[in-house]
C-alpha atoms as a PDB file:
ATOM      1  CA  UNK A   1       0.000   0.000   0.000  1.00  0.00           C
ATOM      2  CA  UNK A   2       1.238   3.472  -0.756  1.00  0.00           C
ATOM      3  CA  UNK A   3       0.862   6.466   1.535  1.00  0.00           C
ATOM      4  CA  UNK A   4      -0.110   9.782  -0.039  1.00  0.00           C
ATOM      5  CA  UNK A   5       0.366  12.723   2.325  1.00  0.00           C
ATOM      6  CA  UNK A   6      -2.034  15.521   1.421  1.00  0.00           C
ATOM      7  CA  UNK A   7      -1.810  19.225   0.827  1.00  0.00           C
ATOM      8  CA  UNK A   8      -5.122  21.040   0.555  1.00  0.00           C
ATOM      9  CA  UNK A   9      -4.584  24.427  -1.054  1.00  0.00           C
ATOM     10  CA  UNK A  10      -6.559  27.590  -0.394  1.00  0.00           C
ATOM     11  CA  UNK A  11      -5.276  31.045  -1.356  1.00  0.00           C
ATOM     12  CA  UNK A  12      -1.803  29.583  -1.764  1.00  0.00           C
ATOM     13  CA  UNK A  13      -1.691  28.100   1.746  1.00  0.00           C
ATOM     14  CA  UNK A  14      -1.748  24.543   3.070  1.00  0.00           C
ATOM     15  CA  UNK A  15      -4.998  24.193   4.999  1.00  0.00           C
ATOM     16  CA  UNK A  16      -7.378  21.565   6.340  1.00  0.00           C
ATOM     17  CA  UNK A  17     -11.139  21.616   6.595  1.00  0.00           C
ATOM     18  CA  UNK A  18     -13.218  19.921   9.277  1.00  0.00           C
ATOM     19  CA  UNK A  19     -15.659  17.506   7.605  1.00  0.00           C
ATOM     20  CA  UNK A  20     -15.470  19.521   4.412  1.00  0.00           C
ATOM     21  CA  UNK A  21     -16.736  22.725   6.006  1.00  0.00           C
ATOM     22  CA  UNK A  22     -15.061  25.800   4.488  1.00  0.00           C
ATOM     23  CA  UNK A  23     -16.107  27.799   7.550  1.00  0.00           C
ATOM     24  CA  UNK A  24     -13.977  25.499   9.715  1.00  0.00           C
ATOM     25  CA  UNK A  25     -10.603  25.901   8.049  1.00  0.00           C
ATOM     26  CA  UNK A  26      -7.217  25.683   9.728  1.00  0.00           C
ATOM     27  CA  UNK A  27      -4.129  27.114   8.028  1.00  0.00           C
ATOM     28  CA  UNK A  28      -1.163  24.811   8.677  1.00  0.00           C
ATOM     29  CA  UNK A  29       1.456  26.436   6.466  1.00  0.00           C
ATOM     30  CA  UNK A  30       1.934  29.582   4.431  1.00  0.00           C
ATOM     31  CA  UNK A  31       4.494  27.656   2.351  1.00  0.00           C
ATOM     32  CA  UNK A  32       3.047  24.456   0.788  1.00  0.00           C
ATOM     33  CA  UNK A  33       6.296  23.896  -1.108  1.00  0.00           C
ATOM     34  CA  UNK A  34       8.224  23.387   2.129  1.00  0.00           C
ATOM     35  CA  UNK A  35       5.521  20.967   3.302  1.00  0.00           C
ATOM     36  CA  UNK A  36       5.928  18.927   0.111  1.00  0.00           C
ATOM     37  CA  UNK A  37       9.679  18.883   0.546  1.00  0.00           C
ATOM     38  CA  UNK A  38       9.234  17.555   4.074  1.00  0.00           C
ATOM     39  CA  UNK A  39       7.046  14.763   2.669  1.00  0.00           C
ATOM     40  CA  UNK A  40       9.935  13.791   0.407  1.00  0.00           C
ATOM     41  CA  UNK A  41      12.449  13.885   3.245  1.00  0.00           C
ATOM     42  CA  UNK A  42      10.276  11.481   5.218  1.00  0.00           C
ATOM     43  CA  UNK A  43      10.196   8.984   2.354  1.00  0.00           C
ATOM     44  CA  UNK A  44       6.981   9.788   0.494  1.00  0.00           C
ATOM     45  CA  UNK A  45       6.839   8.790  -3.164  1.00  0.00           C
ATOM     46  CA  UNK A  46       3.457  10.405  -3.891  1.00  0.00           C
ATOM     47  CA  UNK A  47       1.524  13.532  -2.944  1.00  0.00           C
ATOM     48  CA  UNK A  48      -2.225  14.100  -2.970  1.00  0.00           C
ATOM     49  CA  UNK A  49      -3.076  17.714  -3.818  1.00  0.00           C
ATOM     50  CA  UNK A  50      -6.457  19.423  -3.674  1.00  0.00           C
ATOM     51  CA  UNK A  51      -7.322  22.904  -4.919  1.00  0.00           C
ATOM     52  CA  UNK A  52     -10.129  23.767  -2.504  1.00  0.00           C
ATOM     53  CA  UNK A  53     -10.929  27.011  -4.276  1.00  0.00           C
ATOM     54  CA  UNK A  54     -11.136  25.189  -7.580  1.00  0.00           C
ATOM     55  CA  UNK A  55     -13.395  22.552  -6.064  1.00  0.00           C
ATOM     56  CA  UNK A  56     -15.985  25.217  -5.291  1.00  0.00           C
ATOM     57  CA  UNK A  57     -15.889  27.263  -8.479  1.00  0.00           C
ATOM     58  CA  UNK A  58     -14.323  25.116 -11.198  1.00  0.00           C
ATOM     59  CA  UNK A  59     -11.165  27.194 -11.696  1.00  0.00           C
ATOM     60  CA  UNK A  60      -7.465  26.520 -11.072  1.00  0.00           C
ATOM     61  CA  UNK A  61      -6.252  29.375  -8.843  1.00  0.00           C
ATOM     62  CA  UNK A  62      -3.489  27.259  -7.269  1.00  0.00           C
ATOM     63  CA  UNK A  63      -2.168  25.843 -10.556  1.00  0.00           C
ATOM     64  CA  UNK A  64       1.274  27.450 -10.268  1.00  0.00           C
ATOM     65  CA  UNK A  65       1.824  26.089  -6.764  1.00  0.00           C
ATOM     66  CA  UNK A  66       0.766  22.591  -7.838  1.00  0.00           C
ATOM     67  CA  UNK A  67       3.275  22.665 -10.708  1.00  0.00           C
ATOM     68  CA  UNK A  68       6.015  24.065  -8.457  1.00  0.00           C
ATOM     69  CA  UNK A  69       5.481  21.200  -5.992  1.00  0.00           C
ATOM     70  CA  UNK A  70       5.832  18.653  -8.794  1.00  0.00           C
ATOM     71  CA  UNK A  71       8.919  20.320 -10.261  1.00  0.00           C
ATOM     72  CA  UNK A  72      10.716  20.833  -6.956  1.00  0.00           C
ATOM     73  CA  UNK A  73      10.072  17.388  -5.435  1.00  0.00           C
ATOM     74  CA  UNK A  74       9.877  15.115  -8.463  1.00  0.00           C
ATOM     75  CA  UNK A  75       7.329  13.015  -6.575  1.00  0.00           C
ATOM     76  CA  UNK A  76       4.240  11.423  -8.119  1.00  0.00           C
ATOM     77  CA  UNK A  77       1.575  14.125  -7.855  1.00  0.00           C
ATOM     78  CA  UNK A  78      -2.166  13.793  -8.175  1.00  0.00           C
ATOM     79  CA  UNK A  79      -4.450  16.833  -8.199  1.00  0.00           C
ATOM     80  CA  UNK A  80      -8.166  17.275  -7.664  1.00  0.00           C
ATOM     81  CA  UNK A  81     -10.456  20.256  -7.367  1.00  0.00           C
ATOM     82  CA  UNK A  82     -12.119  22.222 -10.143  1.00  0.00           C
ATOM     83  CA  UNK A  83     -11.126  19.969 -13.047  1.00  0.00           C
ATOM     84  CA  UNK A  84     -14.201  20.148 -15.255  1.00  0.00           C
ATOM     85  CA  UNK A  85     -12.884  20.309 -18.818  1.00  0.00           C
ATOM     86  CA  UNK A  86     -10.445  18.447 -21.039  1.00  0.00           C
ATOM     87  CA  UNK A  87      -8.492  21.678 -21.424  1.00  0.00           C
ATOM     88  CA  UNK A  88      -7.825  21.723 -17.678  1.00  0.00           C
ATOM     89  CA  UNK A  89      -6.903  18.029 -17.686  1.00  0.00           C
ATOM     90  CA  UNK A  90      -4.469  18.645 -20.539  1.00  0.00           C
ATOM     91  CA  UNK A  91      -3.031  21.724 -18.810  1.00  0.00           C
ATOM     92  CA  UNK A  92      -2.114  19.717 -15.715  1.00  0.00           C
ATOM     93  CA  UNK A  93      -0.805  16.657 -17.545  1.00  0.00           C
ATOM     94  CA  UNK A  94       1.232  18.751 -19.990  1.00  0.00           C
ATOM     95  CA  UNK A  95       2.902  20.330 -16.956  1.00  0.00           C
ATOM     96  CA  UNK A  96       3.983  17.020 -15.511  1.00  0.00           C
ATOM     97  CA  UNK A  97       1.163  16.177 -13.115  1.00  0.00           C
ATOM     98  CA  UNK A  98       0.891  12.395 -12.942  1.00  0.00           C
ATOM     99  CA  UNK A  99      -2.781  11.886 -12.151  1.00  0.00           C
ATOM    100  CA  UNK A 100      -5.779  14.180 -12.477  1.00  0.00           C
ATOM    101  CA  UNK A 101      -8.794  13.594 -10.245  1.00  0.00           C
ATOM    102  CA  UNK A 102     -12.287  14.269 -11.561  1.00  0.00           C
ATOM    103  CA  UNK A 103     -15.024  14.805  -8.987  1.00  0.00           C
ATOM    104  CA  UNK A 104     -18.018  17.026  -9.661  1.00  0.00           C
ATOM    105  CA  UNK A 105     -17.476  16.723 -13.403  1.00  0.00           C
ATOM    106  CA  UNK A 106     -17.653  12.926 -13.198  1.00  0.00           C
ATOM    107  CA  UNK A 107     -21.086  13.176 -11.627  1.00  0.00           C
ATOM    108  CA  UNK A 108     -22.377  15.845 -13.979  1.00  0.00           C
ATOM    109  CA  UNK A 109     -20.922  14.660 -17.292  1.00  0.00           C
ATOM    110  CA  UNK A 110     -20.246  10.968 -17.934  1.00  0.00           C
ATOM    111  CA  UNK A 111     -19.276  11.710 -21.532  1.00  0.00           C
ATOM    112  CA  UNK A 112     -16.467  13.935 -20.249  1.00  0.00           C
ATOM    113  CA  UNK A 113     -15.137  11.135 -18.038  1.00  0.00           C
ATOM    114  CA  UNK A 114     -15.297   8.667 -20.910  1.00  0.00           C
ATOM    115  CA  UNK A 115     -13.399  10.992 -23.230  1.00  0.00           C
ATOM    116  CA  UNK A 116     -10.799  11.813 -20.564  1.00  0.00           C
ATOM    117  CA  UNK A 117     -10.169   8.117 -19.884  1.00  0.00           C
ATOM    118  CA  UNK A 118      -9.922   7.386 -23.610  1.00  0.00           C
ATOM    119  CA  UNK A 119      -7.322  10.125 -24.034  1.00  0.00           C
ATOM    120  CA  UNK A 120      -5.302   9.799 -20.840  1.00  0.00           C
ATOM    121  CA  UNK A 121      -5.965   6.300 -19.478  1.00  0.00           C
ATOM    122  CA  UNK A 122      -4.580   5.683 -16.003  1.00  0.00           C
ATOM    123  CA  UNK A 123      -3.698   9.364 -15.579  1.00  0.00           C
ATOM    124  CA  UNK A 124      -7.407   9.900 -14.847  1.00  0.00           C
ATOM    125  CA  UNK A 125      -8.739   9.087 -11.373  1.00  0.00           C
ATOM    126  CA  UNK A 126     -12.178   9.686  -9.898  1.00  0.00           C
ATOM    127  CA  UNK A 127     -12.675  11.323  -6.527  1.00  0.00           C
ATOM    128  CA  UNK A 128     -15.815  10.029  -4.853  1.00  0.00           C
ATOM    129  CA  UNK A 129     -16.815  11.913  -1.736  1.00  0.00           C
ATOM    130  CA  UNK A 130     -19.440  10.067   0.284  1.00  0.00           C
ATOM    131  CA  UNK A 131     -21.998  11.459   2.690  1.00  0.00           C
ATOM    132  CA  UNK A 132     -24.700   9.119   4.001  1.00  0.00           C
ATOM    133  CA  UNK A 133     -23.900   6.703   1.144  1.00  0.00           C
ATOM    134  CA  UNK A 134     -24.547   9.428  -1.443  1.00  0.00           C
ATOM    135  CA  UNK A 135     -22.042  11.225  -3.673  1.00  0.00           C
ATOM    136  CA  UNK A 136     -21.256  14.814  -2.650  1.00  0.00           C
ATOM    137  CA  UNK A 137     -20.113  17.394  -5.196  1.00  0.00           C
ATOM    138  CA  UNK A 138     -18.874  20.986  -5.555  1.00  0.00           C
ATOM    139  CA  UNK A 139     -16.341  20.866  -2.763  1.00  0.00           C
ATOM    140  CA  UNK A 140     -18.801  18.869  -0.671  1.00  0.00           C
ATOM    141  CA  UNK A 141     -21.232  21.790  -0.636  1.00  0.00           C
ATOM    142  CA  UNK A 142     -23.962  19.721  -2.355  1.00  0.00           C
ATOM    143  CA  UNK A 143     -25.084  16.094  -2.010  1.00  0.00           C
ATOM    144  CA  UNK A 144     -26.419  14.350  -5.125  1.00  0.00           C
ATOM    145  CA  UNK A 145     -28.997  11.554  -5.331  1.00  0.00           C
ATOM    146  CA  UNK A 146     -26.380   9.106  -6.638  1.00  0.00           C
ATOM    147  CA  UNK A 147     -25.726   5.954  -4.642  1.00  0.00           C
ATOM    148  CA  UNK A 148     -21.987   5.890  -3.973  1.00  0.00           C
ATOM    149  CA  UNK A 149     -21.492   2.191  -4.698  1.00  0.00           C
ATOM    150  CA  UNK A 150     -23.486   2.308  -7.930  1.00  0.00           C
ATOM    151  CA  UNK A 151     -21.406   5.285  -9.018  1.00  0.00           C
ATOM    152  CA  UNK A 152     -18.157   3.434  -8.294  1.00  0.00           C
ATOM    153  CA  UNK A 153     -19.342   0.560 -10.476  1.00  0.00           C
ATOM    154  CA  UNK A 154     -20.265   2.975 -13.254  1.00  0.00           C
ATOM    155  CA  UNK A 155     -16.788   4.483 -13.168  1.00  0.00           C
ATOM    156  CA  UNK A 156     -15.187   1.038 -13.281  1.00  0.00           C
ATOM    157  CA  UNK A 157     -17.305   0.149 -16.307  1.00  0.00           C
ATOM    158  CA  UNK A 158     -16.142   3.314 -18.094  1.00  0.00           C
ATOM    159  CA  UNK A 159     -12.543   2.148 -17.629  1.00  0.00           C
ATOM    160  CA  UNK A 160     -11.391   4.206 -14.656  1.00  0.00           C
ATOM    161  CA  UNK A 161      -8.501   2.454 -12.878  1.00  0.00           C
ATOM    162  CA  UNK A 162      -8.212   4.487  -9.661  1.00  0.00           C
ATOM    163  CA  UNK A 163     -10.826   5.832  -7.251  1.00  0.00           C
ATOM    164  CA  UNK A 164     -10.050   8.153  -4.344  1.00  0.00           C
ATOM    165  CA  UNK A 165     -12.860   7.613  -1.877  1.00  0.00           C
ATOM    166  CA  UNK A 166     -13.482  10.009   0.994  1.00  0.00           C
ATOM    167  CA  UNK A 167     -15.914   9.484   3.842  1.00  0.00           C
ATOM    168  CA  UNK A 168     -16.777  13.108   4.573  1.00  0.00           C
ATOM    169  CA  UNK A 169     -18.018  12.314   8.078  1.00  0.00           C
ATOM    170  CA  UNK A 170     -14.502  11.168   9.000  1.00  0.00           C
ATOM    171  CA  UNK A 171     -12.443  13.777   7.156  1.00  0.00           C
ATOM    172  CA  UNK A 172     -10.399  15.938   9.484  1.00  0.00           C
ATOM    173  CA  UNK A 173     -12.287  14.560  12.481  1.00  0.00           C
ATOM    174  CA  UNK A 174      -9.412  12.363  13.761  1.00  0.00           C
ATOM    175  CA  UNK A 175     -11.920   9.606  14.594  1.00  0.00           C
ATOM    176  CA  UNK A 176     -10.381   6.823  12.563  1.00  0.00           C
ATOM    177  CA  UNK A 177     -11.091   5.644   9.050  1.00  0.00           C
ATOM    178  CA  UNK A 178     -14.263   3.904   7.851  1.00  0.00           C
ATOM    179  CA  UNK A 179     -12.828   0.417   7.529  1.00  0.00           C
ATOM    180  CA  UNK A 180     -16.113  -1.236   6.554  1.00  0.00           C
ATOM    181  CA  UNK A 181     -16.544   1.160   3.643  1.00  0.00           C
ATOM    182  CA  UNK A 182     -13.107   0.393   2.243  1.00  0.00           C
ATOM    183  CA  UNK A 183     -13.528  -3.343   2.814  1.00  0.00           C
ATOM    184  CA  UNK A 184     -16.732  -3.306   0.791  1.00  0.00           C
ATOM    185  CA  UNK A 185     -15.191  -1.276  -2.011  1.00  0.00           C
ATOM    186  CA  UNK A 186     -12.071  -3.439  -2.154  1.00  0.00           C
ATOM    187  CA  UNK A 187     -14.068  -6.675  -2.098  1.00  0.00           C
ATOM    188  CA  UNK A 188     -16.682  -5.613  -4.654  1.00  0.00           C
ATOM    189  CA  UNK A 189     -14.623  -3.661  -7.201  1.00  0.00           C
ATOM    190  CA  UNK A 190     -11.726  -4.612  -9.442  1.00  0.00           C
ATOM    191  CA  UNK A 191     -10.165  -1.178  -9.251  1.00  0.00           C
ATOM    192  CA  UNK A 192      -7.474   0.600  -7.213  1.00  0.00           C
ATOM    193  CA  UNK A 193      -9.015   2.166  -4.112  1.00  0.00           C
ATOM    194  CA  UNK A 194      -7.278   5.042  -2.338  1.00  0.00           C
ATOM    195  CA  UNK A 195      -8.760   5.643   1.114  1.00  0.00           C
ATOM    196  CA  UNK A 196      -9.174   9.222   2.266  1.00  0.00           C
ATOM    197  CA  UNK A 197     -10.656  10.751   5.376  1.00  0.00           C
ATOM    198  CA  UNK A 198     -10.047   9.871   8.998  1.00  0.00           C
ATOM    199  CA  UNK A 199      -6.677   8.116   8.817  1.00  0.00           C
ATOM    200  CA  UNK A 200      -5.534   9.230  12.240  1.00  0.00           C
ATOM    201  CA  UNK A 201      -3.291   6.484  13.644  1.00  0.00           C
ATOM    202  CA  UNK A 202      -0.787   3.842  12.656  1.00  0.00           C
ATOM    203  CA  UNK A 203      -3.537   1.323  13.485  1.00  0.00           C
ATOM    204  CA  UNK A 204      -5.644   2.815  10.699  1.00  0.00           C
ATOM    205  CA  UNK A 205      -2.738   2.401   8.293  1.00  0.00           C
ATOM    206  CA  UNK A 206      -2.269  -1.245   9.325  1.00  0.00           C
ATOM    207  CA  UNK A 207      -5.998  -1.966   8.971  1.00  0.00           C
ATOM    208  CA  UNK A 208      -6.190  -0.467   5.482  1.00  0.00           C
ATOM    209  CA  UNK A 209      -3.036  -2.291   4.413  1.00  0.00           C
ATOM    210  CA  UNK A 210      -4.513  -5.577   5.608  1.00  0.00           C
ATOM    211  CA  UNK A 211      -7.735  -4.906   3.677  1.00  0.00           C
ATOM    212  CA  UNK A 212      -5.711  -4.731   0.472  1.00  0.00           C
ATOM    213  CA  UNK A 213      -6.433  -1.069  -0.188  1.00  0.00           C
ATOM    214  CA  UNK A 214      -4.136   0.360  -2.889  1.00  0.00           C
ATOM    215  CA  UNK A 215      -3.346   3.612  -1.105  1.00  0.00           C
ATOM    216  CA  UNK A 216      -4.167   5.778   1.905  1.00  0.00           C
ATOM    217  CA  UNK A 217      -4.174   9.547   2.167  1.00  0.00           C
ATOM    218  CA  UNK A 218      -2.894  11.150   5.363  1.00  0.00           C
ATOM    219  CA  UNK A 219      -3.844  14.761   5.986  1.00  0.00           C
ATOM    220  CA  UNK A 220      -4.623  16.254   9.364  1.00  0.00           C
ATOM    221  CA  UNK A 221      -2.846  13.449  11.243  1.00  0.00           C
ATOM    222  CA  UNK A 222       0.433  14.543   9.666  1.00  0.00           C
ATOM    223  CA  UNK A 223      -0.089  18.226  10.429  1.00  0.00           C
ATOM    224  CA  UNK A 224      -1.015  17.637  14.075  1.00  0.00           C
ATOM    225  CA  UNK A 225       1.753  15.110  14.615  1.00  0.00           C
ATOM    226  CA  UNK A 226      -0.688  12.299  15.431  1.00  0.00           C
ATOM    227  CA  UNK A 227       0.981  10.102  12.808  1.00  0.00           C
ATOM    228  CA  UNK A 228       4.668  10.066  11.914  1.00  0.00           C
ATOM    229  CA  UNK A 229       4.713  10.043   8.133  1.00  0.00           C
ATOM    230  CA  UNK A 230       7.945   8.078   7.967  1.00  0.00           C
ATOM    231  CA  UNK A 231       6.500   5.358  10.227  1.00  0.00           C
ATOM    232  CA  UNK A 232       3.264   5.218   8.242  1.00  0.00           C
ATOM    233  CA  UNK A 233       5.162   4.750   4.979  1.00  0.00           C
ATOM    234  CA  UNK A 234       7.199   1.890   6.482  1.00  0.00           C
ATOM    235  CA  UNK A 235       4.153   0.173   7.989  1.00  0.00           C
ATOM    236  CA  UNK A 236       2.227   0.474   4.731  1.00  0.00           C
ATOM    237  CA  UNK A 237       4.899  -1.523   2.911  1.00  0.00           C
END
């Protein structure tokens, strides 16, 4: 299992939200580049990046920072938030980003997902944010009528190879990860599952590893010191 430490970007800063609430935002660093470089020092091979502003309004205000993180660290970088056109997908991939995560756009426009997967293959991932078993969109500010598991199956059928699945109720809450959710997804789908939301201890990392999950994202637990990133990376192996 791989560990993907996370940087959530807002106005050029590394921040974290509590359960996806923009009104409950904590700024952890004014310099996301130094955070990314610390990830590398601790042994990370991949970084999970989110443009929180983009997630709300469909733009890419933190594009330059995302590219600078990729160029300065050389790590595998995936980016989500506000990616709602093939032009934006191309813009990121042409600038060296390894994987582009589609969220709201995947819910709103299946044809877009299909075309993106046809053009870019495994460089396209789907971010599925779950609230009460439904898919949330627009930076978690809206909840759709889509059943989360049905949607995952739809994405697999389109040809998507990687899904980043977030349980919103656990995100930033430091209450542990939703192990049953990831067990069900891993058992029922033939697709790479990256677990996000609530990974707050080494025990969570061990549990996800033992479930056969492809990857786990660590966010707030890194910033608060609850989890040593270096230890998590070693345990995940």
